[in-house]
Amino acid sequence: MNDDPLMRRLKFRAWHRGTRESDYAVGGFFERYHAEWNAEEIAWFERFMDEQDADIIGWALGTIPVPDEWKGPMMDKFLKLDFVKIEN
């Protein structure tokens, strides 16, 4: 990670959501993909971080539908959850 204050702030917010589940989902997503994001994708992530944890986890688990405003390549990557590390 570089010294960009915006990216440092986003990383902190991604890993300090309020629930452990959303920390792993959102923080893991940030860790996996942030280095390749362009300005539009960073803006998407900033808006995404304003959503409620319950909604984000519901979308990730498929228990509630993803609203049309969030559908697209970034959400497609998020929904894979292949970046969440599960340790025993």
C-alpha atoms as a PDB file:
ATOM      1  CA  MET A   1       0.000   0.000   0.000  1.00  0.00           C
ATOM      2  CA  ASN A   2       1.237   3.446  -0.771  1.00  0.00           C
ATOM      3  CA  ASP A   3       1.120   6.558   1.382  1.00  0.00           C
ATOM      4  CA  ASP A   4      -2.129   7.799  -0.150  1.00  0.00           C
ATOM      5  CA  PRO A   5      -4.230   9.110   2.765  1.00  0.00           C
ATOM      6  CA  LEU A   6      -7.469   8.122   1.028  1.00  0.00           C
ATOM      7  CA  MET A   7      -6.393   4.497   0.645  1.00  0.00           C
ATOM      8  CA  ARG A   8      -5.148   4.345   4.245  1.00  0.00           C
ATOM      9  CA  ARG A   9      -8.501   5.685   5.434  1.00  0.00           C
ATOM     10  CA  LEU A  10     -10.424   3.215   3.262  1.00  0.00           C
ATOM     11  CA  LYS A  11      -8.333   0.330   4.559  1.00  0.00           C
ATOM     12  CA  PHE A  12      -9.030   1.317   8.146  1.00  0.00           C
ATOM     13  CA  ARG A  13     -12.766   1.684   7.506  1.00  0.00           C
ATOM     14  CA  ALA A  14     -12.856  -1.638   5.640  1.00  0.00           C
ATOM     15  CA  TRP A  15     -11.375  -3.512   8.596  1.00  0.00           C
ATOM     16  CA  HIS A  16     -13.338  -1.678  11.307  1.00  0.00           C
ATOM     17  CA  ARG A  17     -16.930  -2.142  10.201  1.00  0.00           C
ATOM     18  CA  GLY A  18     -18.490  -3.157  13.483  1.00  0.00           C
ATOM     19  CA  THR A  19     -19.041  -6.865  12.985  1.00  0.00           C
ATOM     20  CA  ARG A  20     -16.403  -9.512  12.503  1.00  0.00           C
ATOM     21  CA  GLU A  21     -18.214 -10.954   9.492  1.00  0.00           C
ATOM     22  CA  SER A  22     -18.298  -7.660   7.652  1.00  0.00           C
ATOM     23  CA  ASP A  23     -14.712  -6.892   8.664  1.00  0.00           C
ATOM     24  CA  TYR A  24     -13.586 -10.099   6.940  1.00  0.00           C
ATOM     25  CA  ALA A  25     -15.802  -9.574   3.905  1.00  0.00           C
ATOM     26  CA  VAL A  26     -15.175  -5.873   3.286  1.00  0.00           C
ATOM     27  CA  GLY A  27     -11.615  -5.821   4.600  1.00  0.00           C
ATOM     28  CA  GLY A  28     -10.693  -8.927   2.647  1.00  0.00           C
ATOM     29  CA  PHE A  29     -12.214  -7.447  -0.502  1.00  0.00           C
ATOM     30  CA  PHE A  30     -10.179  -4.284  -0.012  1.00  0.00           C
ATOM     31  CA  GLU A  31      -6.943  -6.216   0.563  1.00  0.00           C
ATOM     32  CA  ARG A  32      -7.447  -8.400  -2.505  1.00  0.00           C
ATOM     33  CA  TYR A  33      -8.462  -5.754  -5.026  1.00  0.00           C
ATOM     34  CA  HIS A  34      -7.542  -2.198  -3.956  1.00  0.00           C
ATOM     35  CA  ALA A  35      -4.193  -2.105  -5.749  1.00  0.00           C
ATOM     36  CA  GLU A  36      -5.876  -2.490  -9.137  1.00  0.00           C
ATOM     37  CA  TRP A  37      -8.754  -0.031  -8.649  1.00  0.00           C
ATOM     38  CA  ASN A  38      -9.140   3.044 -10.791  1.00  0.00           C
ATOM     39  CA  ALA A  39     -10.751   6.289  -9.570  1.00  0.00           C
ATOM     40  CA  GLU A  40     -14.266   5.118 -10.464  1.00  0.00           C
ATOM     41  CA  GLU A  41     -13.826   1.847  -8.564  1.00  0.00           C
ATOM     42  CA  ILE A  42     -12.428   3.672  -5.534  1.00  0.00           C
ATOM     43  CA  ALA A  43     -15.487   5.938  -5.586  1.00  0.00           C
ATOM     44  CA  TRP A  44     -17.726   2.838  -5.777  1.00  0.00           C
ATOM     45  CA  PHE A  45     -15.975   1.336  -2.766  1.00  0.00           C
ATOM     46  CA  GLU A  46     -16.336   4.570  -0.789  1.00  0.00           C
ATOM     47  CA  ARG A  47     -20.104   4.533  -1.413  1.00  0.00           C
ATOM     48  CA  PHE A  48     -20.244   0.797  -0.654  1.00  0.00           C
ATOM     49  CA  MET A  49     -18.677   1.410   2.744  1.00  0.00           C
ATOM     50  CA  ASP A  50     -21.638   3.610   3.673  1.00  0.00           C
ATOM     51  CA  GLU A  51     -24.032   0.660   3.410  1.00  0.00           C
ATOM     52  CA  GLN A  52     -25.225  -1.205   6.490  1.00  0.00           C
ATOM     53  CA  ASP A  53     -23.299  -4.328   7.524  1.00  0.00           C
ATOM     54  CA  ALA A  54     -26.492  -6.387   7.557  1.00  0.00           C
ATOM     55  CA  ASP A  55     -27.182  -5.478   3.931  1.00  0.00           C
ATOM     56  CA  ILE A  56     -23.618  -6.172   2.806  1.00  0.00           C
ATOM     57  CA  ILE A  57     -23.564  -9.575   4.478  1.00  0.00           C
ATOM     58  CA  GLY A  58     -27.054 -10.352   3.171  1.00  0.00           C
ATOM     59  CA  TRP A  59     -25.904  -9.603  -0.364  1.00  0.00           C
ATOM     60  CA  ALA A  60     -22.735 -11.649   0.122  1.00  0.00           C
ATOM     61  CA  LEU A  61     -24.646 -14.665   1.443  1.00  0.00           C
ATOM     62  CA  GLY A  62     -27.450 -14.328  -1.082  1.00  0.00           C
ATOM     63  CA  THR A  63     -30.134 -13.963   1.583  1.00  0.00           C
ATOM     64  CA  ILE A  64     -31.255 -10.609   0.211  1.00  0.00           C
ATOM     65  CA  PRO A  65     -31.054  -9.437  -3.409  1.00  0.00           C
ATOM     66  CA  VAL A  66     -28.426  -6.949  -4.477  1.00  0.00           C
ATOM     67  CA  PRO A  67     -30.110  -3.652  -5.418  1.00  0.00           C
ATOM     68  CA  ASP A  68     -29.740  -2.638  -9.057  1.00  0.00           C
ATOM     69  CA  GLU A  69     -27.635   0.386  -8.088  1.00  0.00           C
ATOM     70  CA  TRP A  70     -24.905  -1.954  -6.796  1.00  0.00           C
ATOM     71  CA  LYS A  71     -24.894  -4.505  -9.611  1.00  0.00           C
ATOM     72  CA  GLY A  72     -21.823  -4.566 -11.828  1.00  0.00           C
ATOM     73  CA  PRO A  73     -18.232  -5.782 -12.007  1.00  0.00           C
ATOM     74  CA  MET A  74     -17.230  -4.611  -8.525  1.00  0.00           C
ATOM     75  CA  MET A  75     -20.174  -6.355  -6.877  1.00  0.00           C
ATOM     76  CA  ASP A  76     -19.538  -9.456  -8.976  1.00  0.00           C
ATOM     77  CA  LYS A  77     -16.011  -9.626  -7.542  1.00  0.00           C
ATOM     78  CA  PHE A  78     -17.284  -9.010  -4.018  1.00  0.00           C
ATOM     79  CA  LEU A  79     -19.924 -11.732  -4.226  1.00  0.00           C
ATOM     80  CA  LYS A  80     -17.320 -14.388  -5.062  1.00  0.00           C
ATOM     81  CA  LEU A  81     -15.986 -14.095  -1.493  1.00  0.00           C
ATOM     82  CA  ASP A  82     -12.874 -15.921  -2.702  1.00  0.00           C
ATOM     83  CA  PHE A  83     -10.756 -13.428  -0.781  1.00  0.00           C
ATOM     84  CA  VAL A  84     -12.123 -14.377   2.669  1.00  0.00           C
ATOM     85  CA  LYS A  85      -9.602 -16.503   4.524  1.00  0.00           C
ATOM     86  CA  ILE A  86     -11.139 -19.032   6.876  1.00  0.00           C
ATOM     87  CA  GLU A  87      -8.833 -20.316   9.565  1.00  0.00           C
ATOM     88  CA  ASN A  88      -9.484 -23.204  11.909  1.00  0.00           C
END
